[in-house]
Amino acid sequence: MTKIAFIHSEGVLVGFDAHGHTGYADAGEDIVCAAVSALTQATVIGMQEVLFLPVRIERDDRAGRLMAVVAPEHAQSARVLLETLRLSLSSICAQYPGFVRLTTREWRV
């Protein structure tokens, strides 16, 4: 299962932490995992290369982990991308229950 935590700082959405493999299908054929990867990577690219925001990134390809967080002062700029990611992943959760789980957590600096 892929677990995605949407990270908040004082109630404001500032990023996400995605990890795990969905297990929907074998590696290379897993459309759910591919969709989650494409959405999370597109969000990071948008924040960095379109909005030019400084993004703290932690990545572990073997574990299937990608975390991206912006400082609270950049949260408003990143909001549309992060909310679009949240809504898109919610749709995947509804279509493929049991393979993706969304949670929220507070960012601790």
PDB file of N, CA and C in Angstrom:
ATOM      1  N   MET A   1       0.840  -1.177   0.000  1.00  0.00           N
ATOM      2  CA  MET A   1       0.000   0.000   0.000  1.00  0.00           C
ATOM      3  C   MET A   1       0.888   1.245   0.000  1.00  0.00           C
ATOM      4  N   THR A   2       0.476   2.239  -0.776  1.00  0.00           N
ATOM      5  CA  THR A   2       1.148   3.533  -0.748  1.00  0.00           C
ATOM      6  C   THR A   2       0.420   4.418   0.241  1.00  0.00           C
ATOM      7  N   LYS A   3       1.189   5.043   1.112  1.00  0.00           N
ATOM      8  CA  LYS A   3       0.621   5.948   2.116  1.00  0.00           C
ATOM      9  C   LYS A   3       1.133   7.352   1.832  1.00  0.00           C
ATOM     10  N   ILE A   4       0.211   8.293   1.759  1.00  0.00           N
ATOM     11  CA  ILE A   4       0.569   9.682   1.525  1.00  0.00           C
ATOM     12  C   ILE A   4       0.038  10.516   2.674  1.00  0.00           C
ATOM     13  N   ALA A   5       0.955  11.169   3.366  1.00  0.00           N
ATOM     14  CA  ALA A   5       0.573  12.087   4.441  1.00  0.00           C
ATOM     15  C   ALA A   5       0.671  13.505   3.900  1.00  0.00           C
ATOM     16  N   PHE A   6      -0.414  14.251   4.015  1.00  0.00           N
ATOM     17  CA  PHE A   6      -0.373  15.667   3.668  1.00  0.00           C
ATOM     18  C   PHE A   6       0.071  16.418   4.912  1.00  0.00           C
ATOM     19  N   ILE A   7       1.107  17.204   4.746  1.00  0.00           N
ATOM     20  CA  ILE A   7       1.778  17.841   5.872  1.00  0.00           C
ATOM     21  C   ILE A   7       1.287  19.275   6.033  1.00  0.00           C
ATOM     22  N   HIS A   8       0.924  19.600   7.263  1.00  0.00           N
ATOM     23  CA  HIS A   8       0.452  20.943   7.602  1.00  0.00           C
ATOM     24  C   HIS A   8       1.396  21.569   8.622  1.00  0.00           C
ATOM     25  N   SER A   9       1.505  22.871   8.563  1.00  0.00           N
ATOM     26  CA  SER A   9       2.228  23.640   9.570  1.00  0.00           C
ATOM     27  C   SER A   9       1.254  24.679  10.105  1.00  0.00           C
ATOM     28  N   GLU A  10       0.893  24.522  11.365  1.00  0.00           N
ATOM     29  CA  GLU A  10      -0.089  25.405  11.999  1.00  0.00           C
ATOM     30  C   GLU A  10      -1.379  25.475  11.178  1.00  0.00           C
ATOM     31  N   GLY A  11      -1.812  24.309  10.692  1.00  0.00           N
ATOM     32  CA  GLY A  11      -3.066  24.208   9.958  1.00  0.00           C
ATOM     33  C   GLY A  11      -2.994  24.537   8.482  1.00  0.00           C
ATOM     34  N   VAL A  12      -1.822  24.917   7.986  1.00  0.00           N
ATOM     35  CA  VAL A  12      -1.656  25.294   6.582  1.00  0.00           C
ATOM     36  C   VAL A  12      -0.930  24.169   5.847  1.00  0.00           C
ATOM     37  N   LEU A  13      -1.477  23.747   4.701  1.00  0.00           N
ATOM     38  CA  LEU A  13      -0.874  22.683   3.901  1.00  0.00           C
ATOM     39  C   LEU A  13       0.458  23.161   3.332  1.00  0.00           C
ATOM     40  N   VAL A  14       1.541  22.425   3.641  1.00  0.00           N
ATOM     41  CA  VAL A  14       2.880  22.814   3.186  1.00  0.00           C
ATOM     42  C   VAL A  14       3.594  21.720   2.391  1.00  0.00           C
ATOM     43  N   GLY A  15       3.017  20.518   2.298  1.00  0.00           N
ATOM     44  CA  GLY A  15       3.701  19.479   1.551  1.00  0.00           C
ATOM     45  C   GLY A  15       3.074  18.117   1.711  1.00  0.00           C
ATOM     46  N   PHE A  16       3.835  17.105   1.307  1.00  0.00           N
ATOM     47  CA  PHE A  16       3.365  15.723   1.377  1.00  0.00           C
ATOM     48  C   PHE A  16       4.545  14.791   1.603  1.00  0.00           C
ATOM     49  N   ASP A  17       4.233  13.604   2.089  1.00  0.00           N
ATOM     50  CA  ASP A  17       5.220  12.546   2.281  1.00  0.00           C
ATOM     51  C   ASP A  17       4.575  11.256   1.796  1.00  0.00           C
ATOM     52  N   ALA A  18       5.033  10.756   0.647  1.00  0.00           N
ATOM     53  CA  ALA A  18       4.473   9.543   0.044  1.00  0.00           C
ATOM     54  C   ALA A  18       5.491   8.422   0.160  1.00  0.00           C
ATOM     55  N   HIS A  19       5.029   7.237   0.560  1.00  0.00           N
ATOM     56  CA  HIS A  19       5.957   6.114   0.631  1.00  0.00           C
ATOM     57  C   HIS A  19       5.220   4.789   0.447  1.00  0.00           C
ATOM     58  N   GLY A  20       5.979   3.829  -0.029  1.00  0.00           N
ATOM     59  CA  GLY A  20       5.460   2.483  -0.235  1.00  0.00           C
ATOM     60  C   GLY A  20       5.059   2.231  -1.680  1.00  0.00           C
ATOM     61  N   HIS A  21       4.792   0.982  -1.951  1.00  0.00           N
ATOM     62  CA  HIS A  21       4.344   0.559  -3.279  1.00  0.00           C
ATOM     63  C   HIS A  21       2.916   0.053  -3.151  1.00  0.00           C
ATOM     64  N   THR A  22       2.086   0.363  -4.123  1.00  0.00           N
ATOM     65  CA  THR A  22       0.659   0.048  -3.997  1.00  0.00           C
ATOM     66  C   THR A  22       0.379  -1.445  -3.958  1.00  0.00           C
ATOM     67  N   GLY A  23       1.141  -2.219  -4.718  1.00  0.00           N
ATOM     68  CA  GLY A  23       0.881  -3.651  -4.766  1.00  0.00           C
ATOM     69  C   GLY A  23      -0.298  -4.020  -5.643  1.00  0.00           C
ATOM     70  N   TYR A  24      -0.755  -3.086  -6.459  1.00  0.00           N
ATOM     71  CA  TYR A  24      -1.888  -3.359  -7.349  1.00  0.00           C
ATOM     72  C   TYR A  24      -1.506  -4.371  -8.427  1.00  0.00           C
ATOM     73  N   ALA A  25      -0.262  -4.278  -8.909  1.00  0.00           N
ATOM     74  CA  ALA A  25       0.222  -5.189  -9.957  1.00  0.00           C
ATOM     75  C   ALA A  25       1.740  -5.305  -9.818  1.00  0.00           C
ATOM     76  N   ASP A  26       2.332  -6.147 -10.644  1.00  0.00           N
ATOM     77  CA  ASP A  26       3.779  -6.323 -10.631  1.00  0.00           C
ATOM     78  C   ASP A  26       4.484  -5.027 -11.021  1.00  0.00           C
ATOM     79  N   ALA A  27       5.730  -4.893 -10.572  1.00  0.00           N
ATOM     80  CA  ALA A  27       6.538  -3.724 -10.925  1.00  0.00           C
ATOM     81  C   ALA A  27       6.575  -3.563 -12.441  1.00  0.00           C
ATOM     82  N   GLY A  28       6.426  -2.341 -12.892  1.00  0.00           N
ATOM     83  CA  GLY A  28       6.407  -2.056 -14.322  1.00  0.00           C
ATOM     84  C   GLY A  28       5.034  -2.159 -14.942  1.00  0.00           C
ATOM     85  N   GLU A  29       4.080  -2.744 -14.222  1.00  0.00           N
ATOM     86  CA  GLU A  29       2.716  -2.889 -14.735  1.00  0.00           C
ATOM     87  C   GLU A  29       1.680  -2.283 -13.795  1.00  0.00           C
ATOM     88  N   ASP A  30       2.137  -1.655 -12.726  1.00  0.00           N
ATOM     89  CA  ASP A  30       1.246  -1.151 -11.683  1.00  0.00           C
ATOM     90  C   ASP A  30       0.762   0.255 -12.036  1.00  0.00           C
ATOM     91  N   ILE A  31      -0.446   0.345 -12.596  1.00  0.00           N
ATOM     92  CA  ILE A  31      -0.969   1.638 -13.029  1.00  0.00           C
ATOM     93  C   ILE A  31      -1.283   2.558 -11.856  1.00  0.00           C
ATOM     94  N   VAL A  32      -1.620   1.990 -10.715  1.00  0.00           N
ATOM     95  CA  VAL A  32      -1.923   2.822  -9.546  1.00  0.00           C
ATOM     96  C   VAL A  32      -0.639   3.467  -9.035  1.00  0.00           C
ATOM     97  N   CYS A  33       0.408   2.682  -8.920  1.00  0.00           N
ATOM     98  CA  CYS A  33       1.702   3.208  -8.478  1.00  0.00           C
ATOM     99  C   CYS A  33       2.218   4.254  -9.476  1.00  0.00           C
ATOM    100  N   ALA A  34       2.053   3.984 -10.758  1.00  0.00           N
ATOM    101  CA  ALA A  34       2.494   4.930 -11.785  1.00  0.00           C
ATOM    102  C   ALA A  34       1.730   6.244 -11.683  1.00  0.00           C
ATOM    103  N   ALA A  35       0.439   6.172 -11.425  1.00  0.00           N
ATOM    104  CA  ALA A  35      -0.365   7.392 -11.295  1.00  0.00           C
ATOM    105  C   ALA A  35       0.071   8.210 -10.088  1.00  0.00           C
ATOM    106  N   VAL A  36       0.272   7.545  -8.959  1.00  0.00           N
ATOM    107  CA  VAL A  36       0.714   8.244  -7.745  1.00  0.00           C
ATOM    108  C   VAL A  36       2.080   8.879  -7.984  1.00  0.00           C
ATOM    109  N   SER A  37       2.988   8.146  -8.599  1.00  0.00           N
ATOM    110  CA  SER A  37       4.327   8.673  -8.880  1.00  0.00           C
ATOM    111  C   SER A  37       4.266   9.882  -9.806  1.00  0.00           C
ATOM    112  N   ALA A  38       3.474   9.783 -10.862  1.00  0.00           N
ATOM    113  CA  ALA A  38       3.367  10.890 -11.813  1.00  0.00           C
ATOM    114  C   ALA A  38       2.799  12.138 -11.145  1.00  0.00           C
ATOM    115  N   LEU A  39       1.774  11.961 -10.331  1.00  0.00           N
ATOM    116  CA  LEU A  39       1.160  13.113  -9.665  1.00  0.00           C
ATOM    117  C   LEU A  39       2.106  13.766  -8.661  1.00  0.00           C
ATOM    118  N   THR A  40       2.776  12.957  -7.858  1.00  0.00           N
ATOM    119  CA  THR A  40       3.672  13.542  -6.852  1.00  0.00           C
ATOM    120  C   THR A  40       4.877  14.210  -7.511  1.00  0.00           C
ATOM    121  N   GLN A  41       5.438  13.574  -8.531  1.00  0.00           N
ATOM    122  CA  GLN A  41       6.582  14.171  -9.215  1.00  0.00           C
ATOM    123  C   GLN A  41       6.188  15.444  -9.959  1.00  0.00           C
ATOM    124  N   ALA A  42       5.014  15.460 -10.574  1.00  0.00           N
ATOM    125  CA  ALA A  42       4.544  16.663 -11.267  1.00  0.00           C
ATOM    126  C   ALA A  42       4.344  17.812 -10.282  1.00  0.00           C
ATOM    127  N   THR A  43       3.878  17.497  -9.090  1.00  0.00           N
ATOM    128  CA  THR A  43       3.693  18.533  -8.072  1.00  0.00           C
ATOM    129  C   THR A  43       5.032  19.144  -7.678  1.00  0.00           C
ATOM    130  N   VAL A  44       6.037  18.308  -7.480  1.00  0.00           N
ATOM    131  CA  VAL A  44       7.370  18.810  -7.131  1.00  0.00           C
ATOM    132  C   VAL A  44       7.934  19.658  -8.271  1.00  0.00           C
ATOM    133  N   ILE A  45       7.817  19.180  -9.492  1.00  0.00           N
ATOM    134  CA  ILE A  45       8.315  19.941 -10.646  1.00  0.00           C
ATOM    135  C   ILE A  45       7.604  21.289 -10.737  1.00  0.00           C
ATOM    136  N   GLY A  46       6.303  21.300 -10.518  1.00  0.00           N
ATOM    137  CA  GLY A  46       5.558  22.558 -10.555  1.00  0.00           C
ATOM    138  C   GLY A  46       6.026  23.539  -9.499  1.00  0.00           C
ATOM    139  N   MET A  47       6.249  23.035  -8.289  1.00  0.00           N
ATOM    140  CA  MET A  47       6.701  23.925  -7.217  1.00  0.00           C
ATOM    141  C   MET A  47       8.098  24.474  -7.491  1.00  0.00           C
ATOM    142  N   GLN A  48       8.987  23.614  -8.021  1.00  0.00           N
ATOM    143  CA  GLN A  48      10.375  24.030  -8.236  1.00  0.00           C
ATOM    144  C   GLN A  48      10.581  24.800  -9.535  1.00  0.00           C
ATOM    145  N   GLU A  49      10.045  24.283 -10.634  1.00  0.00           N
ATOM    146  CA  GLU A  49      10.406  24.809 -11.945  1.00  0.00           C
ATOM    147  C   GLU A  49       9.389  25.764 -12.550  1.00  0.00           C
ATOM    148  N   VAL A  50       8.186  25.794 -12.013  1.00  0.00           N
ATOM    149  CA  VAL A  50       7.186  26.748 -12.493  1.00  0.00           C
ATOM    150  C   VAL A  50       7.044  27.900 -11.500  1.00  0.00           C
ATOM    151  N   LEU A  51       6.901  27.550 -10.225  1.00  0.00           N
ATOM    152  CA  LEU A  51       6.734  28.572  -9.188  1.00  0.00           C
ATOM    153  C   LEU A  51       8.059  29.046  -8.599  1.00  0.00           C
ATOM    154  N   PHE A  52       9.145  28.308  -8.876  1.00  0.00           N
ATOM    155  CA  PHE A  52      10.486  28.640  -8.380  1.00  0.00           C
ATOM    156  C   PHE A  52      10.526  28.755  -6.854  1.00  0.00           C
ATOM    157  N   LEU A  53       9.852  27.823  -6.195  1.00  0.00           N
ATOM    158  CA  LEU A  53       9.836  27.805  -4.737  1.00  0.00           C
ATOM    159  C   LEU A  53      10.975  26.941  -4.209  1.00  0.00           C
ATOM    160  N   PRO A  54      11.554  27.316  -3.084  1.00  0.00           N
ATOM    161  CA  PRO A  54      12.515  26.423  -2.446  1.00  0.00           C
ATOM    162  C   PRO A  54      11.744  25.276  -1.785  1.00  0.00           C
ATOM    163  N   VAL A  55      12.076  24.068  -2.171  1.00  0.00           N
ATOM    164  CA  VAL A  55      11.354  22.889  -1.693  1.00  0.00           C
ATOM    165  C   VAL A  55      12.338  21.955  -1.000  1.00  0.00           C
ATOM    166  N   ARG A  56      12.010  21.562   0.211  1.00  0.00           N
ATOM    167  CA  ARG A  56      12.810  20.542   0.900  1.00  0.00           C
ATOM    168  C   ARG A  56      12.335  19.192   0.383  1.00  0.00           C
ATOM    169  N   ILE A  57      13.253  18.421  -0.171  1.00  0.00           N
ATOM    170  CA  ILE A  57      12.904  17.131  -0.765  1.00  0.00           C
ATOM    171  C   ILE A  57      13.716  16.030  -0.099  1.00  0.00           C
ATOM    172  N   GLU A  58      13.031  14.943   0.210  1.00  0.00           N
ATOM    173  CA  GLU A  58      13.690  13.713   0.643  1.00  0.00           C
ATOM    174  C   GLU A  58      13.165  12.607  -0.256  1.00  0.00           C
ATOM    175  N   ARG A  59      14.097  11.826  -0.807  1.00  0.00           N
ATOM    176  CA  ARG A  59      13.715  10.785  -1.762  1.00  0.00           C
ATOM    177  C   ARG A  59      14.496   9.514  -1.468  1.00  0.00           C
ATOM    178  N   ASP A  60      13.795   8.391  -1.553  1.00  0.00           N
ATOM    179  CA  ASP A  60      14.416   7.074  -1.439  1.00  0.00           C
ATOM    180  C   ASP A  60      13.710   6.191  -2.460  1.00  0.00           C
ATOM    181  N   ASP A  61      14.326   6.037  -3.627  1.00  0.00           N
ATOM    182  CA  ASP A  61      13.683   5.298  -4.714  1.00  0.00           C
ATOM    183  C   ASP A  61      13.435   3.838  -4.366  1.00  0.00           C
ATOM    184  N   ARG A  62      14.337   3.230  -3.627  1.00  0.00           N
ATOM    185  CA  ARG A  62      14.167   1.821  -3.266  1.00  0.00           C
ATOM    186  C   ARG A  62      12.921   1.626  -2.393  1.00  0.00           C
ATOM    187  N   ALA A  63      12.718   2.518  -1.447  1.00  0.00           N
ATOM    188  CA  ALA A  63      11.560   2.426  -0.544  1.00  0.00           C
ATOM    189  C   ALA A  63      10.307   3.039  -1.159  1.00  0.00           C
ATOM    190  N   GLY A  64      10.467   3.676  -2.313  1.00  0.00           N
ATOM    191  CA  GLY A  64       9.318   4.319  -2.936  1.00  0.00           C
ATOM    192  C   GLY A  64       8.855   5.538  -2.154  1.00  0.00           C
ATOM    193  N   ARG A  65       9.815   6.340  -1.672  1.00  0.00           N
ATOM    194  CA  ARG A  65       9.458   7.490  -0.832  1.00  0.00           C
ATOM    195  C   ARG A  65       9.822   8.796  -1.516  1.00  0.00           C
ATOM    196  N   LEU A  66       8.892   9.738  -1.447  1.00  0.00           N
ATOM    197  CA  LEU A  66       9.134  11.099  -1.900  1.00  0.00           C
ATOM    198  C   LEU A  66       8.426  12.038  -0.941  1.00  0.00           C
ATOM    199  N   MET A  67       9.210  12.896  -0.308  1.00  0.00           N
ATOM    200  CA  MET A  67       8.645  13.923   0.564  1.00  0.00           C
ATOM    201  C   MET A  67       9.037  15.277   0.002  1.00  0.00           C
ATOM    202  N   ALA A  68       8.084  16.198  -0.028  1.00  0.00           N
ATOM    203  CA  ALA A  68       8.345  17.557  -0.487  1.00  0.00           C
ATOM    204  C   ALA A  68       7.592  18.521   0.414  1.00  0.00           C
ATOM    205  N   VAL A  69       8.329  19.494   0.948  1.00  0.00           N
ATOM    206  CA  VAL A  69       7.745  20.460   1.880  1.00  0.00           C
ATOM    207  C   VAL A  69       8.276  21.850   1.548  1.00  0.00           C
ATOM    208  N   VAL A  70       7.373  22.830   1.549  1.00  0.00           N
ATOM    209  CA  VAL A  70       7.778  24.223   1.406  1.00  0.00           C
ATOM    210  C   VAL A  70       7.672  24.897   2.769  1.00  0.00           C
ATOM    211  N   ALA A  71       8.425  25.956   2.951  1.00  0.00           N
ATOM    212  CA  ALA A  71       8.332  26.728   4.192  1.00  0.00           C
ATOM    213  C   ALA A  71       6.946  27.372   4.267  1.00  0.00           C
ATOM    214  N   PRO A  72       6.428  27.555   5.471  1.00  0.00           N
ATOM    215  CA  PRO A  72       5.089  28.137   5.614  1.00  0.00           C
ATOM    216  C   PRO A  72       4.898  29.450   4.852  1.00  0.00           C
ATOM    217  N   GLU A  73       5.942  30.249   4.724  1.00  0.00           N
ATOM    218  CA  GLU A  73       5.793  31.516   4.001  1.00  0.00           C
ATOM    219  C   GLU A  73       5.584  31.328   2.499  1.00  0.00           C
ATOM    220  N   HIS A  74       5.819  30.111   1.983  1.00  0.00           N
ATOM    221  CA  HIS A  74       5.586  29.813   0.567  1.00  0.00           C
ATOM    222  C   HIS A  74       4.335  28.959   0.354  1.00  0.00           C
ATOM    223  N   ALA A  75       3.642  28.644   1.420  1.00  0.00           N
ATOM    224  CA  ALA A  75       2.484  27.741   1.335  1.00  0.00           C
ATOM    225  C   ALA A  75       1.384  28.284   0.434  1.00  0.00           C
ATOM    226  N   GLN A  76       1.128  29.577   0.493  1.00  0.00           N
ATOM    227  CA  GLN A  76       0.064  30.148  -0.338  1.00  0.00           C
ATOM    228  C   GLN A  76       0.388  29.969  -1.819  1.00  0.00           C
ATOM    229  N   SER A  77       1.652  30.140  -2.183  1.00  0.00           N
ATOM    230  CA  SER A  77       2.059  29.969  -3.581  1.00  0.00           C
ATOM    231  C   SER A  77       1.906  28.523  -4.040  1.00  0.00           C
ATOM    232  N   ALA A  78       2.174  27.579  -3.157  1.00  0.00           N
ATOM    233  CA  ALA A  78       2.118  26.153  -3.504  1.00  0.00           C
ATOM    234  C   ALA A  78       0.721  25.562  -3.352  1.00  0.00           C
ATOM    235  N   ARG A  79      -0.200  26.312  -2.800  1.00  0.00           N
ATOM    236  CA  ARG A  79      -1.519  25.794  -2.419  1.00  0.00           C
ATOM    237  C   ARG A  79      -2.269  25.115  -3.568  1.00  0.00           C
ATOM    238  N   VAL A  80      -2.334  25.749  -4.727  1.00  0.00           N
ATOM    239  CA  VAL A  80      -3.097  25.180  -5.844  1.00  0.00           C
ATOM    240  C   VAL A  80      -2.525  23.825  -6.250  1.00  0.00           C
ATOM    241  N   LEU A  81      -1.206  23.728  -6.330  1.00  0.00           N
ATOM    242  CA  LEU A  81      -0.596  22.452  -6.707  1.00  0.00           C
ATOM    243  C   LEU A  81      -0.845  21.379  -5.648  1.00  0.00           C
ATOM    244  N   LEU A  82      -0.675  21.727  -4.382  1.00  0.00           N
ATOM    245  CA  LEU A  82      -0.855  20.741  -3.313  1.00  0.00           C
ATOM    246  C   LEU A  82      -2.314  20.315  -3.172  1.00  0.00           C
ATOM    247  N   GLU A  83      -3.244  21.239  -3.330  1.00  0.00           N
ATOM    248  CA  GLU A  83      -4.668  20.878  -3.262  1.00  0.00           C
ATOM    249  C   GLU A  83      -5.076  20.034  -4.466  1.00  0.00           C
ATOM    250  N   THR A  84      -4.515  20.340  -5.635  1.00  0.00           N
ATOM    251  CA  THR A  84      -4.787  19.520  -6.823  1.00  0.00           C
ATOM    252  C   THR A  84      -4.264  18.106  -6.613  1.00  0.00           C
ATOM    253  N   LEU A  85      -3.075  17.986  -6.031  1.00  0.00           N
ATOM    254  CA  LEU A  85      -2.527  16.667  -5.710  1.00  0.00           C
ATOM    255  C   LEU A  85      -3.445  15.928  -4.749  1.00  0.00           C
ATOM    256  N   ARG A  86      -3.892  16.614  -3.712  1.00  0.00           N
ATOM    257  CA  ARG A  86      -4.766  15.983  -2.714  1.00  0.00           C
ATOM    258  C   ARG A  86      -6.064  15.487  -3.354  1.00  0.00           C
ATOM    259  N   LEU A  87      -6.690  16.313  -4.175  1.00  0.00           N
ATOM    260  CA  LEU A  87      -7.944  15.912  -4.825  1.00  0.00           C
ATOM    261  C   LEU A  87      -7.721  14.768  -5.817  1.00  0.00           C
ATOM    262  N   SER A  88      -6.629  14.824  -6.561  1.00  0.00           N
ATOM    263  CA  SER A  88      -6.325  13.764  -7.532  1.00  0.00           C
ATOM    264  C   SER A  88      -6.075  12.437  -6.837  1.00  0.00           C
ATOM    265  N   LEU A  89      -5.310  12.466  -5.745  1.00  0.00           N
ATOM    266  CA  LEU A  89      -5.047  11.232  -5.006  1.00  0.00           C
ATOM    267  C   LEU A  89      -6.298  10.720  -4.301  1.00  0.00           C
ATOM    268  N   SER A  90      -7.170  11.618  -3.874  1.00  0.00           N
ATOM    269  CA  SER A  90      -8.451  11.195  -3.287  1.00  0.00           C
ATOM    270  C   SER A  90      -9.280  10.433  -4.307  1.00  0.00           C
ATOM    271  N   SER A  91      -9.246  10.876  -5.541  1.00  0.00           N
ATOM    272  CA  SER A  91      -9.958  10.186  -6.615  1.00  0.00           C
ATOM    273  C   SER A  91      -9.383   8.789  -6.842  1.00  0.00           C
ATOM    274  N   ILE A  92      -8.064   8.666  -6.818  1.00  0.00           N
ATOM    275  CA  ILE A  92      -7.429   7.354  -6.972  1.00  0.00           C
ATOM    276  C   ILE A  92      -7.816   6.448  -5.807  1.00  0.00           C
ATOM    277  N   CYS A  93      -7.841   6.997  -4.595  1.00  0.00           N
ATOM    278  CA  CYS A  93      -8.260   6.213  -3.416  1.00  0.00           C
ATOM    279  C   CYS A  93      -9.667   5.661  -3.600  1.00  0.00           C
ATOM    280  N   ALA A  94     -10.546   6.469  -4.149  1.00  0.00           N
ATOM    281  CA  ALA A  94     -11.933   6.036  -4.351  1.00  0.00           C
ATOM    282  C   ALA A  94     -12.027   4.954  -5.424  1.00  0.00           C
ATOM    283  N   GLN A  95     -11.207   5.060  -6.455  1.00  0.00           N
ATOM    284  CA  GLN A  95     -11.245   4.095  -7.554  1.00  0.00           C
ATOM    285  C   GLN A  95     -10.526   2.791  -7.224  1.00  0.00           C
ATOM    286  N   TYR A  96      -9.512   2.872  -6.375  1.00  0.00           N
ATOM    287  CA  TYR A  96      -8.694   1.708  -6.036  1.00  0.00           C
ATOM    288  C   TYR A  96      -8.553   1.589  -4.521  1.00  0.00           C
ATOM    289  N   PRO A  97      -9.654   1.328  -3.830  1.00  0.00           N
ATOM    290  CA  PRO A  97      -9.587   1.253  -2.365  1.00  0.00           C
ATOM    291  C   PRO A  97      -8.655   0.120  -1.918  1.00  0.00           C
ATOM    292  N   GLY A  98      -7.928   0.389  -0.856  1.00  0.00           N
ATOM    293  CA  GLY A  98      -7.023  -0.621  -0.321  1.00  0.00           C
ATOM    294  C   GLY A  98      -5.614  -0.558  -0.869  1.00  0.00           C
ATOM    295  N   PHE A  99      -5.374   0.320  -1.839  1.00  0.00           N
ATOM    296  CA  PHE A  99      -4.040   0.412  -2.426  1.00  0.00           C
ATOM    297  C   PHE A  99      -3.335   1.725  -2.112  1.00  0.00           C
ATOM    298  N   VAL A 100      -4.117   2.748  -1.775  1.00  0.00           N
ATOM    299  CA  VAL A 100      -3.571   4.069  -1.451  1.00  0.00           C
ATOM    300  C   VAL A 100      -4.315   4.587  -0.230  1.00  0.00           C
ATOM    301  N   ARG A 101      -3.561   5.136   0.727  1.00  0.00           N
ATOM    302  CA  ARG A 101      -4.197   5.713   1.920  1.00  0.00           C
ATOM    303  C   ARG A 101      -3.675   7.130   2.128  1.00  0.00           C
ATOM    304  N   LEU A 102      -4.596   8.053   2.369  1.00  0.00           N
ATOM    305  CA  LEU A 102      -4.247   9.447   2.622  1.00  0.00           C
ATOM    306  C   LEU A 102      -4.456   9.773   4.090  1.00  0.00           C
ATOM    307  N   THR A 103      -3.505  10.502   4.651  1.00  0.00           N
ATOM    308  CA  THR A 103      -3.609  10.977   6.027  1.00  0.00           C
ATOM    309  C   THR A 103      -3.098  12.417   6.063  1.00  0.00           C
ATOM    310  N   THR A 104      -3.197  13.017   7.231  1.00  0.00           N
ATOM    311  CA  THR A 104      -2.594  14.334   7.439  1.00  0.00           C
ATOM    312  C   THR A 104      -1.715  14.258   8.677  1.00  0.00           C
ATOM    313  N   ARG A 105      -0.736  15.128   8.714  1.00  0.00           N
ATOM    314  CA  ARG A 105       0.098  15.223   9.909  1.00  0.00           C
ATOM    315  C   ARG A 105       0.661  16.632  10.011  1.00  0.00           C
ATOM    316  N   GLU A 106       1.022  16.983  11.206  1.00  0.00           N
ATOM    317  CA  GLU A 106       1.580  18.305  11.476  1.00  0.00           C
ATOM    318  C   GLU A 106       3.092  18.260  11.271  1.00  0.00           C
ATOM    319  N   TRP A 107       3.640  19.283  10.649  1.00  0.00           N
ATOM    320  CA  TRP A 107       5.075  19.398  10.403  1.00  0.00           C
ATOM    321  C   TRP A 107       5.770  19.852  11.670  1.00  0.00           C
ATOM    322  N   ARG A 108       6.805  19.156  12.017  1.00  0.00           N
ATOM    323  CA  ARG A 108       7.602  19.518  13.185  1.00  0.00           C
ATOM    324  C   ARG A 108       8.984  19.941  12.700  1.00  0.00           C
ATOM    325  N   VAL A 109       9.318  21.179  12.905  1.00  0.00           N
ATOM    326  CA  VAL A 109      10.609  21.699  12.439  1.00  0.00           C
ATOM    327  C   VAL A 109      11.707  21.288  13.391  1.00  0.00           C
TER     328      VAL A 109
END
